């Protein structure tokens, strides 16, 4: 059975009450309606924000609040609005014809498009030559001033408005005004559209998604004799971290080989974890806690095989450094929103002292190995092991090195502490 959808109804109090009274029976799918009434259209973005992420779709009273919410960037879900042309406009014109102060052929109309205005007048068989229309969005005061100016100039005999706040202002100013109210059929049609948009969004969010995570450090062979225990410990720590992240978004993790992992999730959960596919999933925490750079590819598909194939294609793009094409591929094989290779680090610049020490050590490293201990670092820096140990701890504090498990040997004394230098933070060399 399809789970109930949640539709947020955003509009003036009278329309929201009307929609709520019609109930979810007007929608084609089981749904729950949540009221978000406002006094002025300018409140629409705040009402959408208050609805929160639990809403599958939004239904707006007219194009004006919809446009305000869209422009403010708060719409993270599908949305539609009630159409106010057609029968709604004809009904308002009929009321204007019964008002002795108004001539339907000499009025001003807002919100409704000029095409809808001309179509309604053509259907009624009357000319629209002297009818003024404004469909551009704007503040309540601006739209009210538009109607009032035309009336004061004698260009119109009254106004037809879709906005209750504008109707109130014009009534106070003494300008004859008729509200264009949506018909019951228009409301039912809008609810129908909102429910279908919400259902499609729900299906899109639950789409199968595969994430491939590869660790270059573990992929590269050891170039000099060094304990392998730290590599095993690193794999274990990384797997533990990925499992924690996966549990947080209701995903699963499988190790593929010594240097890569496969995460199975839904599109919605990965979108939430990546700020809408703008930052790499899991990369920031792996970098901060383990000091590792990772390569990530995200793929979607109708089957697990398709999703994994798209994830491998996205991973290949990541490894090739084609940042403009993004790190995620949808189920049609198209790249999603472009994103940086790594999440932005903000204004926290690396401390000069740590960077200088890391650069000096990196210049002395041989064979591509990045694992050192205090004695070896001291020789490379020309300082005592005690001073080198302090400098290595400084690198750890600044996120430029990662302490590995001690090298346990049968000899007595303190075990040798190894550190992996995160030379990737120096950038291209």
Protein backbone atom coordinates (compact mmCIF):
# COMPACT_ATOMS: atom_id res chain seq x y z
CA UNK A 1 0.00 0.00 0.00
CA UNK A 2 1.27 3.48 -0.87
CA UNK A 3 2.21 5.39 2.32
CA UNK A 4 0.26 8.56 3.04
CA UNK A 5 1.68 11.71 1.47
CA UNK A 6 1.91 15.01 3.29
CA UNK A 7 0.87 18.15 1.41
CA UNK A 8 1.45 21.61 2.84
CA UNK A 9 -1.33 24.08 1.96
CA UNK A 10 0.07 27.63 1.84
CA UNK A 11 -2.31 30.55 1.33
CA UNK A 12 -4.68 33.05 2.96
CA UNK A 13 -6.82 31.79 5.83
CA UNK A 14 -10.06 31.52 3.85
CA UNK A 15 -8.55 29.44 1.05
CA UNK A 16 -6.57 27.20 3.42
CA UNK A 17 -9.74 26.57 5.43
CA UNK A 18 -11.59 25.76 2.23
CA UNK A 19 -8.98 23.25 1.11
CA UNK A 20 -8.86 21.63 4.55
CA UNK A 21 -12.65 21.25 4.55
CA UNK A 22 -12.49 19.59 1.14
CA UNK A 23 -10.09 17.14 2.76
CA UNK A 24 -7.75 14.59 1.30
CA UNK A 25 -10.69 12.92 -0.48
CA UNK A 26 -10.17 15.41 -3.30
CA UNK A 27 -6.69 13.97 -3.95
CA UNK A 28 -6.10 10.85 -6.06
CA UNK A 29 -3.84 9.27 -3.40
CA UNK A 30 -4.10 8.94 0.39
CA UNK A 31 -2.60 12.13 1.79
CA UNK A 32 -2.47 14.32 4.88
CA UNK A 33 -3.03 18.07 4.55
CA UNK A 34 -1.07 20.48 6.73
CA UNK A 35 -2.31 24.07 6.98
CA UNK A 36 0.11 26.99 6.61
CA UNK A 37 -2.07 30.11 6.49
CA UNK A 38 -0.70 33.64 6.21
CA UNK A 39 -2.05 37.19 6.39
CA UNK A 40 0.16 38.50 3.59
CA UNK A 41 1.81 36.79 0.63
CA UNK A 42 5.23 37.99 1.79
CA UNK A 43 4.96 35.47 4.66
CA UNK A 44 4.88 32.52 2.24
CA UNK A 45 8.63 31.66 2.41
CA UNK A 46 8.53 31.60 6.21
CA UNK A 47 5.46 29.36 6.16
CA UNK A 48 7.23 26.90 3.86
CA UNK A 49 10.27 26.87 6.15
CA UNK A 50 8.04 26.13 9.13
CA UNK A 51 6.48 23.18 7.32
CA UNK A 52 9.89 21.51 7.43
CA UNK A 53 11.33 18.58 5.47
CA UNK A 54 8.47 16.22 6.30
CA UNK A 55 6.28 17.67 3.53
CA UNK A 56 6.20 15.79 0.22
CA UNK A 57 4.70 18.67 -1.80
CA UNK A 58 3.36 22.20 -1.36
CA UNK A 59 0.14 23.66 -2.72
CA UNK A 60 0.05 27.47 -2.98
CA UNK A 61 -3.02 29.70 -3.26
CA UNK A 62 -1.75 31.47 -6.40
CA UNK A 63 1.39 32.03 -8.46
CA UNK A 64 2.43 34.96 -6.20
CA UNK A 65 3.24 33.07 -2.96
CA UNK A 66 4.69 30.24 -5.06
CA UNK A 67 7.04 32.64 -6.83
CA UNK A 68 8.05 34.31 -3.54
CA UNK A 69 8.91 30.93 -2.00
CA UNK A 70 10.78 29.81 -5.11
CA UNK A 71 12.82 33.01 -5.31
CA UNK A 72 13.77 32.80 -1.63
CA UNK A 73 15.22 29.31 -2.14
CA UNK A 74 13.13 27.58 0.56
CA UNK A 75 11.39 25.17 -1.82
CA UNK A 76 13.12 21.83 -1.37
CA UNK A 77 10.07 19.81 -2.38
CA UNK A 78 7.80 19.79 -5.47
CA UNK A 79 5.20 22.57 -5.50
CA UNK A 80 2.24 23.81 -7.52
CA UNK A 81 -0.44 26.47 -7.19
CA UNK A 82 -4.16 26.90 -7.78
CA UNK A 83 -4.95 28.26 -11.25
CA UNK A 84 -6.97 31.47 -11.13
CA UNK A 85 -7.77 31.88 -14.82
CA UNK A 86 -10.61 30.26 -16.72
CA UNK A 87 -13.77 29.71 -14.67
CA UNK A 88 -12.46 31.70 -11.68
CA UNK A 89 -11.88 34.78 -13.82
CA UNK A 90 -15.24 34.41 -15.58
CA UNK A 91 -16.99 34.21 -12.19
CA UNK A 92 -15.26 37.42 -11.08
CA UNK A 93 -16.31 39.16 -14.30
CA UNK A 94 -19.90 38.09 -13.68
CA UNK A 95 -19.77 39.69 -10.24
CA UNK A 96 -18.24 42.83 -11.77
CA UNK A 97 -21.14 43.00 -14.27
CA UNK A 98 -23.61 42.98 -11.36
CA UNK A 99 -21.76 45.81 -9.58
CA UNK A 100 -23.24 49.09 -10.77
CA UNK A 101 -19.93 50.88 -10.14
CA UNK A 102 -17.89 48.67 -12.49
CA UNK A 103 -17.70 48.10 -16.23
CA UNK A 104 -16.13 44.67 -16.98
CA UNK A 105 -14.67 46.10 -20.18
CA UNK A 106 -12.70 48.75 -18.22
CA UNK A 107 -11.04 47.01 -15.28
CA UNK A 108 -7.52 46.12 -14.13
CA UNK A 109 -6.51 42.52 -13.38
CA UNK A 110 -3.51 41.18 -11.47
CA UNK A 111 -1.67 37.82 -11.28
CA UNK A 112 -3.70 36.21 -14.09
CA UNK A 113 -1.73 36.12 -17.34
CA UNK A 114 -2.71 38.32 -20.27
CA UNK A 115 -3.38 35.23 -22.36
CA UNK A 116 -5.88 33.95 -19.78
CA UNK A 117 -7.54 37.36 -19.65
CA UNK A 118 -8.00 37.55 -23.41
CA UNK A 119 -9.22 33.96 -23.57
CA UNK A 120 -11.91 34.61 -20.94
CA UNK A 121 -13.10 37.78 -22.68
CA UNK A 122 -13.16 35.99 -26.05
CA UNK A 123 -15.28 33.21 -24.56
CA UNK A 124 -17.71 35.83 -23.23
CA UNK A 125 -17.77 37.64 -26.58
CA UNK A 126 -16.68 41.02 -25.22
CA UNK A 127 -13.56 43.03 -26.13
CA UNK A 128 -10.56 43.26 -23.79
CA UNK A 129 -9.00 46.29 -25.47
CA UNK A 130 -9.46 48.58 -22.44
CA UNK A 131 -8.64 45.90 -19.86
CA UNK A 132 -5.33 46.41 -18.06
CA UNK A 133 -3.47 43.39 -16.73
CA UNK A 134 -0.38 42.88 -14.62
CA UNK A 135 0.95 39.36 -14.13
CA UNK A 136 4.39 40.29 -12.76
CA UNK A 137 4.96 39.32 -9.12
CA UNK A 138 5.42 42.10 -6.62
CA UNK A 139 4.77 43.30 -3.09
CA UNK A 140 1.19 43.83 -1.94
CA UNK A 141 1.65 47.60 -1.80
CA UNK A 142 3.08 47.73 -5.31
CA UNK A 143 0.18 45.77 -6.84
CA UNK A 144 -2.42 47.78 -4.90
CA UNK A 145 -0.79 51.02 -6.10
CA UNK A 146 -1.00 49.77 -9.70
CA UNK A 147 -4.76 49.29 -9.47
CA UNK A 148 -5.32 52.52 -7.55
CA UNK A 149 -3.32 54.63 -10.01
CA UNK A 150 -5.34 53.37 -12.99
CA UNK A 151 -8.61 53.99 -11.17
CA UNK A 152 -7.58 57.55 -10.14
CA UNK A 153 -6.58 58.28 -13.75
CA UNK A 154 -9.99 57.17 -14.97
CA UNK A 155 -8.49 54.38 -17.07
CA UNK A 156 -10.50 51.76 -15.16
CA UNK A 157 -13.72 51.50 -13.18
CA UNK A 158 -12.41 48.98 -10.68
CA UNK A 159 -10.03 46.11 -10.05
CA UNK A 160 -10.08 42.32 -10.15
CA UNK A 161 -7.45 40.97 -7.77
CA UNK A 162 -6.29 37.50 -6.76
CA UNK A 163 -4.72 38.74 -3.52
CA UNK A 164 -6.87 39.30 -0.40
CA UNK A 165 -4.41 41.83 1.06
CA UNK A 166 -4.63 43.90 -2.13
CA UNK A 167 -8.44 43.71 -2.00
CA UNK A 168 -8.39 45.08 1.55
CA UNK A 169 -6.14 48.00 0.60
CA UNK A 170 -8.21 48.93 -2.43
CA UNK A 171 -11.44 48.73 -0.44
CA UNK A 172 -9.94 51.07 2.17
CA UNK A 173 -8.84 53.44 -0.60
CA UNK A 174 -12.37 53.50 -2.03
CA UNK A 175 -11.53 51.64 -5.26
CA UNK A 176 -14.23 49.16 -6.39
CA UNK A 177 -12.68 45.70 -6.20
CA UNK A 178 -13.71 42.08 -6.84
CA UNK A 179 -11.63 39.14 -5.61
CA UNK A 180 -10.85 36.39 -8.08
CA UNK A 181 -11.49 33.28 -6.00
CA UNK A 182 -10.52 29.81 -7.21
CA UNK A 183 -13.34 27.47 -8.13
CA UNK A 184 -13.80 24.16 -6.35
CA UNK A 185 -12.78 22.40 -9.58
CA UNK A 186 -9.52 24.40 -9.70
CA UNK A 187 -8.75 23.50 -6.09
CA UNK A 188 -9.41 19.81 -6.74
CA UNK A 189 -7.19 19.91 -9.84
CA UNK A 190 -4.39 21.60 -7.87
CA UNK A 191 -4.69 19.02 -5.06
CA UNK A 192 -4.57 16.26 -7.66
CA UNK A 193 -1.39 17.74 -9.16
CA UNK A 194 0.23 18.25 -5.75
CA UNK A 195 -0.46 14.63 -4.76
CA UNK A 196 1.02 13.28 -7.99
CA UNK A 197 4.09 15.51 -7.60
CA UNK A 198 4.53 14.33 -4.01
CA UNK A 199 4.17 10.67 -4.97
CA UNK A 200 6.73 11.05 -7.75
CA UNK A 201 9.08 12.83 -5.36
CA UNK A 202 8.64 10.03 -2.80
CA UNK A 203 9.51 7.43 -5.45
CA UNK A 204 12.49 9.50 -6.60
CA UNK A 205 13.78 9.80 -3.04
CA UNK A 206 13.55 6.03 -2.50
CA UNK A 207 15.48 5.28 -5.70
CA UNK A 208 18.28 2.75 -5.24
CA UNK A 209 21.69 4.42 -4.90
CA UNK A 210 25.17 2.90 -4.67
CA UNK A 211 28.22 4.71 -3.32
CA UNK A 212 31.74 3.44 -4.06
CA UNK A 213 34.49 4.62 -1.72
CA UNK A 214 38.13 4.03 -2.62
CA UNK A 215 41.19 4.91 -0.51
CA UNK A 216 44.29 5.66 -2.61
CA UNK A 217 46.58 5.20 0.39
CA UNK A 218 45.42 1.62 0.85
CA UNK A 219 45.42 0.95 -2.88
CA UNK A 220 49.08 1.84 -3.28
CA UNK A 221 51.61 -0.92 -2.46
CA UNK A 222 54.03 -0.48 0.44
CA UNK A 223 57.27 0.79 -1.04
CA UNK A 224 59.59 0.06 1.88
CA UNK A 225 59.76 -2.34 4.74
CA UNK A 226 57.19 -1.12 7.25
CA UNK A 227 54.81 -2.81 9.68
CA UNK A 228 51.59 -3.88 7.99
CA UNK A 229 49.70 -3.80 11.26
CA UNK A 230 48.91 -0.10 10.82
CA UNK A 231 47.33 -0.78 7.41
CA UNK A 232 45.07 -3.43 8.92
CA UNK A 233 44.19 -1.07 11.76
CA UNK A 234 43.47 1.68 9.25
CA UNK A 235 41.12 -0.55 7.28
CA UNK A 236 39.34 -1.55 10.48
CA UNK A 237 38.97 2.09 11.59
CA UNK A 238 37.69 3.12 8.16
CA UNK A 239 35.18 0.29 8.02
CA UNK A 240 33.94 1.17 11.51
CA UNK A 241 33.52 4.81 10.51
CA UNK A 242 31.63 3.94 7.33
CA UNK A 243 29.30 1.64 9.26
CA UNK A 244 28.54 4.48 11.69
CA UNK A 245 27.78 6.85 8.83
CA UNK A 246 25.70 4.21 7.06
CA UNK A 247 23.62 3.53 10.16
CA UNK A 248 22.93 7.25 10.43
CA UNK A 249 21.31 7.30 6.96
CA UNK A 250 19.83 3.77 7.03
CA UNK A 251 22.35 2.38 4.54
CA UNK A 252 24.53 -0.75 4.42
CA UNK A 253 28.29 -1.18 3.88
CA UNK A 254 30.29 -4.01 2.31
CA UNK A 255 34.08 -4.12 1.86
CA UNK A 256 34.91 -4.95 -1.77
CA UNK A 257 38.66 -5.42 -1.39
CA UNK A 258 41.57 -4.03 0.62
CA UNK A 259 41.05 -0.47 -0.53
CA UNK A 260 37.39 0.01 -1.52
CA UNK A 261 33.89 -0.21 -0.02
CA UNK A 262 30.35 -0.32 -1.38
CA UNK A 263 27.50 1.54 0.35
CA UNK A 264 23.87 0.85 -0.63
CA UNK A 265 21.33 3.55 0.23
CA UNK A 266 18.49 5.59 -1.23
CA UNK A 267 18.75 8.77 -3.25
CA UNK A 268 17.00 10.74 -0.51
CA UNK A 269 19.40 9.65 2.22
CA UNK A 270 22.49 10.37 0.11
CA UNK A 271 21.08 13.73 -1.00
CA UNK A 272 20.63 14.71 2.65
CA UNK A 273 24.17 13.61 3.50
CA UNK A 274 25.72 15.52 0.58
CA UNK A 275 23.81 18.81 0.68
CA UNK A 276 22.00 17.88 -2.51
CA UNK A 277 25.01 16.19 -4.13
CA UNK A 278 27.22 19.26 -3.60
CA UNK A 279 29.83 17.64 -1.33
CA UNK A 280 31.32 14.16 -1.29
CA UNK A 281 29.57 11.76 1.10
CA UNK A 282 31.61 10.57 4.10
CA UNK A 283 34.77 12.37 2.87
CA UNK A 284 34.85 15.17 5.43
CA UNK A 285 34.65 12.86 8.46
CA UNK A 286 37.16 10.39 7.00
CA UNK A 287 39.57 13.24 6.37
CA UNK A 288 39.09 14.80 9.81
CA UNK A 289 39.23 11.62 11.89
CA UNK A 290 41.55 9.38 9.91
CA UNK A 291 43.53 11.88 7.86
CA UNK A 292 42.69 10.08 4.62
CA UNK A 293 41.71 11.40 1.23
CA UNK A 294 39.09 9.25 -0.49
CA UNK A 295 37.68 8.96 -3.99
CA UNK A 296 33.91 8.61 -4.22
CA UNK A 297 31.45 7.75 -6.98
CA UNK A 298 27.66 7.79 -6.57
CA UNK A 299 25.34 6.00 -8.97
CA UNK A 300 21.60 5.44 -9.27
CA UNK A 301 19.70 2.85 -11.23
CA UNK A 302 16.63 0.68 -11.57
CA UNK A 303 18.65 -2.34 -10.42
CA UNK A 304 21.65 -2.82 -8.16
CA UNK A 305 23.75 -3.72 -11.19
CA UNK A 306 22.80 -0.49 -12.98
CA UNK A 307 23.42 1.61 -9.89
CA UNK A 308 26.85 0.06 -9.32
CA UNK A 309 27.79 0.54 -12.99
CA UNK A 310 26.86 4.21 -12.78
CA UNK A 311 28.76 4.54 -9.51
CA UNK A 312 31.89 3.13 -11.17
CA UNK A 313 31.48 5.59 -14.04
CA UNK A 314 31.16 8.44 -11.54
CA UNK A 315 34.21 7.16 -9.63
CA UNK A 316 36.22 7.17 -12.85
CA UNK A 317 35.28 10.84 -13.32
CA UNK A 318 36.36 11.60 -9.77
CA UNK A 319 39.69 9.84 -10.22
CA UNK A 320 40.24 11.68 -13.50
CA UNK A 321 39.69 14.98 -11.72
CA UNK A 322 36.73 16.03 -13.89
CA UNK A 323 35.12 18.03 -11.12
CA UNK A 324 32.82 19.95 -13.45
CA UNK A 325 30.96 16.74 -14.29
CA UNK A 326 30.30 15.94 -10.65
CA UNK A 327 30.70 12.74 -8.67
CA UNK A 328 27.15 11.38 -9.02
CA UNK A 329 25.35 9.81 -12.00
CA UNK A 330 21.56 9.40 -12.17
CA UNK A 331 19.76 6.29 -13.38
CA UNK A 332 19.81 7.61 -16.94
CA UNK A 333 23.61 7.84 -16.89
CA UNK A 334 23.71 11.65 -16.64
CA UNK A 335 25.93 13.55 -14.21
CA UNK A 336 24.10 15.32 -11.40
CA UNK A 337 24.85 18.72 -9.85
CA UNK A 338 28.57 19.52 -10.15
CA UNK A 339 30.37 19.52 -6.84
CA UNK A 340 33.90 20.06 -5.58
CA UNK A 341 36.15 17.04 -5.27
CA UNK A 342 36.31 17.58 -1.54
CA UNK A 343 34.03 19.57 0.76
CA UNK A 344 35.15 23.17 1.25
CA UNK A 345 37.30 23.60 4.30
CA UNK A 346 36.14 27.14 4.99
CA UNK A 347 38.39 29.78 6.42
CA UNK A 348 40.38 27.47 8.68
CA UNK A 349 43.75 27.75 7.02
CA UNK A 350 46.58 25.39 7.93
CA UNK A 351 48.96 26.75 10.52
CA UNK A 352 52.25 27.85 8.93
CA UNK A 353 54.42 26.05 11.47
CA UNK A 354 52.83 22.65 10.89
CA UNK A 355 52.79 23.10 7.13
CA UNK A 356 56.47 24.03 7.13
CA UNK A 357 57.42 20.94 9.16
CA UNK A 358 55.27 18.69 6.96
CA UNK A 359 56.81 20.15 3.81
CA UNK A 360 60.35 19.57 5.10
CA UNK A 361 59.56 15.96 5.98
CA UNK A 362 57.80 15.36 2.66
CA UNK A 363 60.88 16.62 0.80
CA UNK A 364 63.00 14.00 2.57
CA UNK A 365 60.67 11.06 2.09
CA UNK A 366 61.82 8.33 -0.25
CA UNK A 367 59.91 5.85 -2.36
CA UNK A 368 56.56 7.51 -1.76
CA UNK A 369 56.30 6.22 1.82
CA UNK A 370 54.56 8.57 4.28
CA UNK A 371 55.06 6.65 7.55
CA UNK A 372 57.69 7.96 9.99
CA UNK A 373 58.64 7.68 13.63
CA UNK A 374 60.31 10.18 15.96
CA UNK A 375 63.81 8.87 15.32
CA UNK A 376 63.50 8.95 11.54
CA UNK A 377 61.80 12.36 11.60
CA UNK A 378 64.54 13.71 13.85
CA UNK A 379 67.22 12.65 11.36
CA UNK A 380 65.33 14.24 8.46
CA UNK A 381 64.79 17.49 10.38
CA UNK A 382 68.19 17.57 12.08
CA UNK A 383 66.73 17.58 15.61
CA UNK A 384 66.69 15.20 18.56
CA UNK A 385 64.09 12.40 18.68
CA UNK A 386 62.46 14.17 21.65
CA UNK A 387 62.00 17.37 19.63
CA UNK A 388 60.83 15.38 16.61
CA UNK A 389 58.26 13.60 18.78
CA UNK A 390 56.91 16.98 19.91
CA UNK A 391 56.79 18.23 16.31
CA UNK A 392 54.95 15.10 15.18
CA UNK A 393 52.37 15.59 17.95
CA UNK A 394 51.93 19.15 16.70
CA UNK A 395 51.23 17.81 13.23
CA UNK A 396 48.61 15.48 14.72
CA UNK A 397 46.96 18.40 16.56
CA UNK A 398 46.82 20.38 13.33
CA UNK A 399 45.37 17.49 11.33
CA UNK A 400 48.55 17.02 9.27
CA UNK A 401 49.46 13.56 10.57
CA UNK A 402 47.69 10.55 11.97
CA UNK A 403 49.11 8.39 14.81
CA UNK A 404 49.24 4.73 13.88
CA UNK A 405 49.07 1.83 16.32
CA UNK A 406 52.44 1.33 18.09
CA UNK A 407 54.84 -1.09 16.45
CA UNK A 408 54.96 -3.86 19.02
CA UNK A 409 58.32 -5.66 19.10
CA UNK A 410 59.70 -8.32 21.42
CA UNK A 411 62.42 -5.89 22.58
CA UNK A 412 61.91 -4.21 25.98
CA UNK A 413 61.18 -0.52 26.26
CA UNK A 414 58.66 1.88 24.77
CA UNK A 415 57.02 0.58 21.54
CA UNK A 416 57.92 2.60 18.45
CA UNK A 417 55.13 5.08 17.64
CA UNK A 418 54.48 5.49 13.94
CA UNK A 419 52.81 8.46 12.24
CA UNK A 420 51.34 8.71 8.78
CA UNK A 421 52.03 12.12 7.27
CA UNK A 422 49.04 13.55 5.40
CA UNK A 423 51.08 15.01 2.57
CA UNK A 424 47.89 15.42 0.50
CA UNK A 425 47.21 18.60 2.48
CA UNK A 426 50.25 20.23 0.93
CA UNK A 427 48.46 20.24 -2.42
CA UNK A 428 50.10 19.51 -5.80
CA UNK A 429 53.88 19.31 -5.64
